[in-house]
Amino acid sequence: MAEHLKKKRQKSKAGLTICWTAGHKGLVGNELADKEAKEVVKGHTSETELLPLYLRKMLLINPSVIKAAHNAKLKKEWQDSWKESERGIVLARINESTPSGRFLETISNPKLPREEASSITQLRLKHFLLNSYLKQIWKVNNAQCLACRADDENTEHFLLRCPSYAYKRWNLARLAIKKQKPLTIKALLGDKDFVLLLATYI
């Protein structure tokens, strides 16, 4: 259209003005384009002879669109693979939306030191240095909790059950009451409200 106007301008005073807009909402041309796009989705298309010449043949491939589609496909394949993995199943019990940016947002608190953020991540993955995990990787002979002598020092025992940590757990319990939320593994490891007190507890 610009080239067409340029040629016509040699014979007349026709001109072309291009304006930048912050968004498309409220622009008549954009609303009309949206309306036509919806008609195409319904299967209503223009007759070929009514189209401009350059639209009567196959359109060129857009490399950016091809790359974006490929990346989206890879991301979906990775997400599906992750959700079916052992760690993915464990994390889904804490946060059904995993993998997502929600957990990164939780541990990206500026008041949370890197070491504590790492510890919370390890607890979520059940790779924290508790005896149940250390026994799995042959670092200790049994999974017994050294604090209370319970048979299995796992994540749930460490965060919720061990009587030796009852006093230190009180701040977490008090916050749960204040927020009217249950004190569970899902809340402690998946709710950003608990992240700073959880780091202190660890």
Protein backbone atom coordinates (compact mmCIF):
# COMPACT_ATOMS: atom_id res chain seq x y z
CA MET A 1 0.00 0.00 0.00
CA ALA A 2 2.87 2.37 0.79
CA GLU A 3 4.47 1.73 -2.60
CA HIS A 4 1.10 2.26 -4.31
CA LEU A 5 0.65 5.64 -2.59
CA LYS A 6 4.22 6.60 -3.41
CA LYS A 7 3.58 6.09 -7.12
CA LYS A 8 0.28 7.97 -6.95
CA ARG A 9 1.93 10.88 -5.13
CA GLN A 10 3.84 11.77 -8.29
CA LYS A 11 0.49 12.66 -9.88
CA SER A 12 -1.46 13.90 -6.86
CA LYS A 13 -1.10 15.20 -3.30
CA ALA A 14 -1.81 11.81 -1.69
CA GLY A 15 0.34 11.17 1.39
CA LEU A 16 1.00 8.55 4.00
CA THR A 17 1.39 9.06 7.76
CA ILE A 18 2.65 6.28 10.07
CA CYS A 19 1.85 6.64 13.77
CA TRP A 20 3.20 4.68 16.74
CA THR A 21 0.64 3.55 19.33
CA ALA A 22 1.19 2.10 22.80
CA GLY A 23 -1.38 -0.63 22.14
CA HIS A 24 -4.00 -1.78 19.68
CA LYS A 25 -7.06 -1.52 21.92
CA GLY A 26 -9.59 1.01 20.71
CA LEU A 27 -8.12 1.35 17.20
CA VAL A 28 -10.80 0.92 14.55
CA GLY A 29 -8.46 -0.84 12.12
CA ASN A 30 -7.37 -3.35 14.74
CA GLU A 31 -10.97 -4.09 15.75
CA LEU A 32 -11.86 -4.74 12.11
CA ALA A 33 -8.80 -6.99 11.69
CA ASP A 34 -9.82 -8.99 14.79
CA LYS A 35 -13.33 -9.38 13.40
CA GLU A 36 -12.01 -10.67 10.08
CA ALA A 37 -9.61 -13.05 11.83
CA LYS A 38 -12.52 -14.56 13.79
CA GLU A 39 -14.41 -15.06 10.53
CA VAL A 40 -11.43 -16.95 9.08
CA VAL A 41 -11.38 -19.25 12.12
CA LYS A 42 -15.04 -20.04 11.40
CA GLY A 43 -14.02 -21.02 7.85
CA HIS A 44 -15.26 -17.86 6.12
CA THR A 45 -12.50 -16.66 3.78
CA SER A 46 -12.37 -14.17 0.92
CA GLU A 47 -12.58 -15.31 -2.67
CA THR A 48 -9.09 -15.66 -4.16
CA GLU A 49 -9.77 -13.17 -6.96
CA LEU A 50 -10.74 -10.52 -4.37
CA LEU A 51 -7.38 -10.76 -2.59
CA PRO A 52 -4.36 -8.58 -3.41
CA LEU A 53 -2.00 -10.33 -5.84
CA TYR A 54 0.68 -11.00 -3.21
CA LEU A 55 -1.85 -12.91 -1.07
CA ARG A 56 -3.02 -15.23 -3.85
CA LYS A 57 0.09 -17.43 -3.52
CA MET A 58 1.61 -19.32 -0.59
CA LEU A 59 2.99 -17.00 2.06
CA LEU A 60 6.70 -17.06 2.94
CA ILE A 61 7.76 -18.99 6.05
CA ASN A 62 8.51 -16.82 9.09
CA PRO A 63 11.69 -18.16 10.80
CA SER A 64 10.77 -16.52 14.12
CA VAL A 65 7.41 -18.29 14.20
CA ILE A 66 9.05 -21.63 13.32
CA LYS A 67 11.59 -21.22 16.16
CA ALA A 68 8.90 -20.20 18.64
CA ALA A 69 6.78 -23.24 17.74
CA HIS A 70 9.82 -25.53 18.04
CA ASN A 71 10.74 -24.10 21.46
CA ALA A 72 7.15 -24.45 22.66
CA LYS A 73 7.15 -28.10 21.54
CA LEU A 74 10.43 -28.80 23.36
CA LYS A 75 9.15 -27.09 26.51
CA LYS A 76 5.96 -29.18 26.51
CA GLU A 77 7.94 -32.41 25.97
CA TRP A 78 10.23 -31.49 28.88
CA GLN A 79 7.28 -30.62 31.14
CA ASP A 80 5.52 -33.91 30.34
CA SER A 81 8.75 -35.84 30.98
CA TRP A 82 9.33 -33.99 34.26
CA LYS A 83 5.80 -34.61 35.54
CA GLU A 84 6.21 -38.35 34.94
CA SER A 85 9.62 -38.51 36.65
CA GLU A 86 10.11 -39.56 40.29
CA ARG A 87 11.05 -36.02 41.39
CA GLY A 88 8.25 -34.49 39.35
CA ILE A 89 5.68 -36.70 41.09
CA VAL A 90 7.12 -35.73 44.51
CA LEU A 91 6.96 -32.01 43.70
CA ALA A 92 3.43 -32.26 42.30
CA ARG A 93 2.24 -33.18 45.80
CA ILE A 94 3.57 -29.83 47.03
CA ASN A 95 2.68 -27.70 44.03
CA GLU A 96 0.44 -29.04 41.24
CA SER A 97 1.62 -26.33 38.82
CA THR A 98 5.24 -27.54 38.91
CA PRO A 99 7.22 -26.94 36.77
CA SER A 100 6.39 -23.25 36.81
CA GLY A 101 7.82 -19.90 37.78
CA ARG A 102 5.90 -19.94 41.06
CA PHE A 103 8.60 -21.79 43.00
CA LEU A 104 11.33 -19.51 41.61
CA GLU A 105 9.26 -16.57 42.80
CA THR A 106 9.04 -18.16 46.25
CA ILE A 107 12.79 -18.61 46.71
CA SER A 108 13.69 -15.31 45.03
CA ASN A 109 12.86 -13.35 48.17
CA PRO A 110 15.62 -10.69 48.55
CA LYS A 111 15.77 -11.47 52.29
CA LEU A 112 16.44 -15.17 51.64
CA PRO A 113 20.18 -16.04 51.45
CA ARG A 114 21.32 -18.31 48.65
CA GLU A 115 22.28 -21.16 51.01
CA GLU A 116 18.81 -21.23 52.60
CA ALA A 117 17.13 -21.10 49.18
CA SER A 118 19.23 -24.10 48.19
CA SER A 119 18.22 -25.99 51.35
CA ILE A 120 14.51 -25.41 50.68
CA THR A 121 14.97 -26.66 47.11
CA GLN A 122 16.72 -29.79 48.41
CA LEU A 123 13.88 -30.44 50.87
CA ARG A 124 11.34 -30.17 48.07
CA LEU A 125 13.30 -32.70 46.00
CA LYS A 126 13.89 -34.96 49.06
CA HIS A 127 17.63 -34.50 48.57
CA PHE A 128 18.23 -32.71 51.87
CA LEU A 129 20.89 -34.15 54.18
CA LEU A 130 18.52 -36.07 56.43
CA ASN A 131 19.38 -39.65 57.36
CA SER A 132 16.64 -41.18 55.20
CA TYR A 133 18.34 -39.65 52.13
CA LEU A 134 21.89 -40.26 53.37
CA LYS A 135 21.06 -43.95 53.79
CA GLN A 136 19.82 -44.10 50.17
CA ILE A 137 23.18 -42.86 48.92
CA TRP A 138 25.14 -45.14 51.29
CA LYS A 139 26.52 -42.39 53.54
CA VAL A 140 25.01 -43.74 56.78
CA ASN A 141 24.01 -47.22 57.96
CA ASN A 142 20.46 -46.37 59.10
CA ALA A 143 17.83 -43.64 58.69
CA GLN A 144 17.32 -43.05 62.40
CA CYS A 145 16.80 -39.47 63.61
CA LEU A 146 19.71 -38.57 65.88
CA ALA A 147 17.65 -35.91 67.68
CA CYS A 148 14.80 -38.13 68.90
CA ARG A 149 15.85 -41.66 67.83
CA ALA A 150 12.78 -42.14 65.62
CA ASP A 151 13.19 -44.82 62.95
CA ASP A 152 13.02 -42.62 59.86
CA GLU A 153 14.39 -39.07 59.66
CA ASN A 154 12.63 -37.94 56.49
CA THR A 155 11.34 -34.52 55.37
CA GLU A 156 7.96 -34.87 57.07
CA HIS A 157 9.56 -35.99 60.34
CA PHE A 158 12.09 -33.15 60.29
CA LEU A 159 9.54 -30.41 59.50
CA LEU A 160 6.44 -31.59 61.36
CA ARG A 161 6.93 -34.49 63.74
CA CYS A 162 10.29 -34.52 65.52
CA PRO A 163 9.59 -33.66 69.21
CA SER A 164 13.13 -32.36 69.63
CA TYR A 165 12.32 -29.43 67.32
CA ALA A 166 8.87 -28.65 68.76
CA TYR A 167 10.02 -25.37 70.34
CA LYS A 168 11.71 -24.15 67.16
CA ARG A 169 8.63 -25.20 65.15
CA TRP A 170 6.38 -22.93 67.24
CA ASN A 171 6.98 -19.85 65.05
CA LEU A 172 5.84 -21.82 61.99
CA ALA A 173 2.74 -23.05 63.82
CA ARG A 174 1.93 -19.50 64.98
CA LEU A 175 2.21 -18.15 61.41
CA ALA A 176 -0.07 -20.95 60.15
CA ILE A 177 -2.70 -19.94 62.72
CA LYS A 178 -2.36 -16.27 61.77
CA LYS A 179 -2.72 -17.03 58.04
CA GLN A 180 -5.49 -19.57 58.75
CA LYS A 181 -3.58 -22.24 56.87
CA PRO A 182 -2.83 -25.84 57.90
CA LEU A 183 0.76 -26.60 58.91
CA THR A 184 1.56 -29.19 56.24
CA ILE A 185 4.46 -30.13 53.99
CA LYS A 186 2.55 -28.58 51.09
CA ALA A 187 2.18 -25.27 52.93
CA LEU A 188 5.74 -25.14 54.29
CA LEU A 189 7.46 -25.97 51.00
CA GLY A 190 4.99 -24.44 48.56
CA ASP A 191 3.65 -21.27 50.17
CA LYS A 192 5.79 -18.12 49.95
CA ASP A 193 4.34 -16.83 53.24
CA PHE A 194 6.36 -19.46 55.09
CA VAL A 195 9.67 -19.19 53.24
CA LEU A 196 11.60 -16.90 55.60
CA LEU A 197 10.50 -18.62 58.82
CA LEU A 198 11.16 -22.00 57.19
CA ALA A 199 14.73 -20.88 56.36
CA THR A 200 15.22 -19.88 60.01
CA TYR A 201 13.84 -23.24 61.18
CA ILE A 202 16.18 -25.18 58.88
